[in-house]
N, C-alpha and C. Protein backbone atom coordinates (compact mmCIF):
# COMPACT_ATOMS: atom_id res chain seq x y z
N MET A 1 0.82 -1.19 0.00
CA MET A 1 0.00 0.00 0.00
C MET A 1 0.87 1.26 0.00
N GLY A 2 1.94 1.21 0.77
CA GLY A 2 2.83 2.36 0.84
C GLY A 2 3.52 2.65 -0.48
N GLN A 3 3.83 1.57 -1.20
CA GLN A 3 4.49 1.75 -2.50
C GLN A 3 3.54 2.40 -3.50
N ILE A 4 2.28 2.02 -3.46
CA ILE A 4 1.29 2.62 -4.36
C ILE A 4 1.13 4.10 -4.04
N LEU A 5 1.08 4.43 -2.75
CA LEU A 5 0.95 5.83 -2.34
C LEU A 5 2.17 6.64 -2.80
N ALA A 6 3.35 6.05 -2.69
CA ALA A 6 4.57 6.74 -3.14
C ALA A 6 4.52 6.99 -4.64
N TRP A 7 4.04 6.01 -5.42
CA TRP A 7 3.92 6.19 -6.88
C TRP A 7 2.95 7.32 -7.20
N ILE A 8 1.83 7.37 -6.48
CA ILE A 8 0.82 8.41 -6.73
C ILE A 8 1.37 9.78 -6.39
N VAL A 9 2.03 9.90 -5.24
CA VAL A 9 2.58 11.20 -4.82
C VAL A 9 3.68 11.66 -5.78
N CYS A 10 4.60 10.77 -6.11
CA CYS A 10 5.70 11.15 -7.00
C CYS A 10 5.20 11.45 -8.41
N GLY A 11 4.26 10.66 -8.89
CA GLY A 11 3.69 10.92 -10.22
C GLY A 11 2.94 12.24 -10.25
N GLY A 12 2.16 12.49 -9.21
CA GLY A 12 1.43 13.76 -9.13
C GLY A 12 2.36 14.95 -9.03
N ALA A 13 3.43 14.81 -8.25
CA ALA A 13 4.39 15.91 -8.13
C ALA A 13 5.09 16.17 -9.47
N GLY A 14 5.45 15.10 -10.17
CA GLY A 14 6.08 15.27 -11.49
C GLY A 14 5.14 15.92 -12.48
N PHE A 15 3.88 15.50 -12.47
CA PHE A 15 2.89 16.10 -13.36
C PHE A 15 2.69 17.58 -13.03
N TRP A 16 2.59 17.90 -11.74
CA TRP A 16 2.38 19.29 -11.32
C TRP A 16 3.57 20.16 -11.69
N LEU A 17 4.79 19.67 -11.41
CA LEU A 17 5.99 20.45 -11.75
C LEU A 17 6.12 20.64 -13.25
N GLY A 18 5.80 19.60 -14.01
CA GLY A 18 5.90 19.70 -15.47
C GLY A 18 4.85 20.63 -16.05
N SER A 19 3.64 20.60 -15.49
CA SER A 19 2.58 21.44 -16.04
C SER A 19 2.79 22.91 -15.73
N HIS A 20 3.49 23.22 -14.65
CA HIS A 20 3.78 24.61 -14.31
C HIS A 20 5.14 25.05 -14.85
N ARG A 21 5.79 24.19 -15.61
CA ARG A 21 7.09 24.48 -16.24
C ARG A 21 8.17 24.86 -15.23
N LEU A 22 8.08 24.28 -14.03
CA LEU A 22 9.11 24.54 -13.02
C LEU A 22 10.35 23.68 -13.26
N ILE A 23 10.14 22.53 -13.85
CA ILE A 23 11.23 21.62 -14.19
C ILE A 23 11.00 21.16 -15.63
N PRO A 24 12.03 21.20 -16.48
CA PRO A 24 11.84 20.74 -17.86
C PRO A 24 11.53 19.24 -17.92
N LEU A 25 10.88 18.84 -18.98
CA LEU A 25 10.46 17.45 -19.14
C LEU A 25 11.63 16.48 -19.11
N TRP A 26 12.76 16.85 -19.72
CA TRP A 26 13.90 15.95 -19.75
C TRP A 26 14.40 15.67 -18.34
N ALA A 27 14.33 16.67 -17.45
CA ALA A 27 14.79 16.46 -16.07
C ALA A 27 13.87 15.50 -15.32
N ILE A 28 12.56 15.60 -15.58
CA ILE A 28 11.61 14.69 -14.95
C ILE A 28 11.87 13.26 -15.44
N VAL A 29 12.12 13.11 -16.73
CA VAL A 29 12.39 11.78 -17.29
C VAL A 29 13.67 11.21 -16.69
N VAL A 30 14.70 12.02 -16.55
CA VAL A 30 15.96 11.56 -15.95
C VAL A 30 15.71 11.12 -14.51
N LEU A 31 14.94 11.90 -13.76
CA LEU A 31 14.64 11.53 -12.37
C LEU A 31 13.84 10.23 -12.29
N VAL A 32 12.93 10.03 -13.23
CA VAL A 32 12.14 8.78 -13.25
C VAL A 32 13.07 7.59 -13.47
N PHE A 33 13.96 7.67 -14.45
CA PHE A 33 14.86 6.56 -14.72
C PHE A 33 15.85 6.35 -13.58
N LEU A 34 16.31 7.43 -12.98
CA LEU A 34 17.22 7.32 -11.84
C LEU A 34 16.52 6.64 -10.66
N GLY A 35 15.30 7.06 -10.38
CA GLY A 35 14.54 6.45 -9.30
C GLY A 35 14.25 4.99 -9.55
N ALA A 36 13.87 4.65 -10.78
CA ALA A 36 13.60 3.25 -11.12
C ALA A 36 14.88 2.41 -11.00
N GLY A 37 15.99 2.97 -11.43
CA GLY A 37 17.26 2.24 -11.32
C GLY A 37 17.66 2.01 -9.87
N LEU A 38 17.51 3.02 -9.04
CA LEU A 38 17.84 2.86 -7.62
C LEU A 38 16.90 1.88 -6.94
N TRP A 39 15.63 1.89 -7.32
CA TRP A 39 14.68 0.94 -6.75
C TRP A 39 15.07 -0.49 -7.13
N CYS A 40 15.47 -0.69 -8.38
CA CYS A 40 15.89 -2.03 -8.82
C CYS A 40 17.14 -2.49 -8.08
N VAL A 41 18.08 -1.59 -7.86
CA VAL A 41 19.29 -1.94 -7.11
C VAL A 41 18.92 -2.32 -5.67
N GLY A 42 18.01 -1.57 -5.06
CA GLY A 42 17.56 -1.89 -3.71
C GLY A 42 16.89 -3.24 -3.62
N GLU A 43 16.03 -3.54 -4.59
CA GLU A 43 15.37 -4.85 -4.62
C GLU A 43 16.40 -5.96 -4.81
N TRP A 44 17.37 -5.75 -5.67
CA TRP A 44 18.41 -6.74 -5.92
C TRP A 44 19.23 -6.99 -4.65
N LEU A 45 19.58 -5.91 -3.93
CA LEU A 45 20.35 -6.07 -2.70
C LEU A 45 19.54 -6.80 -1.63
N GLU A 46 18.25 -6.51 -1.53
CA GLU A 46 17.40 -7.20 -0.56
C GLU A 46 17.34 -8.69 -0.86
N ARG A 47 17.17 -9.05 -2.11
CA ARG A 47 17.10 -10.47 -2.48
C ARG A 47 18.43 -11.17 -2.25
N ARG A 48 19.51 -10.45 -2.52
CA ARG A 48 20.83 -11.03 -2.31
C ARG A 48 21.08 -11.29 -0.83
N GLU A 49 20.67 -10.36 0.03
CA GLU A 49 20.82 -10.54 1.47
C GLU A 49 19.92 -11.67 1.96
N GLY A 50 18.74 -11.80 1.39
CA GLY A 50 17.82 -12.86 1.78
C GLY A 50 18.37 -14.24 1.47
N HIS A 51 19.05 -14.39 0.34
CA HIS A 51 19.63 -15.69 -0.02
C HIS A 51 20.79 -16.03 0.91
N GLY A 52 21.51 -15.04 1.37
CA GLY A 52 22.63 -15.29 2.29
C GLY A 52 22.16 -15.81 3.63
N ASP A 53 20.97 -15.39 4.09
CA ASP A 53 20.44 -15.86 5.37
C ASP A 53 20.03 -17.32 5.30
N ASP A 54 19.57 -17.77 4.14
CA ASP A 54 19.12 -19.15 3.99
C ASP A 54 20.28 -20.14 4.04
N GLU A 55 21.44 -19.71 3.58
CA GLU A 55 22.58 -20.62 3.50
C GLU A 55 23.16 -20.92 4.88
N GLY A 56 23.22 -19.91 5.74
CA GLY A 56 23.90 -20.08 7.02
C GLY A 56 22.98 -20.53 8.05
């Protein structure tokens, strides 16, 4: 539920900033890809740590 709320808030903030021309579209796109990349790295690290607990 928290992840859905975060997507809604971040998406709404990006839409609001873009519609008021406070941040150019390319910067919003870069932030989206950066956020998605960091999220994937976090998920990968969590899964890697989880597999280490099962072995020991």
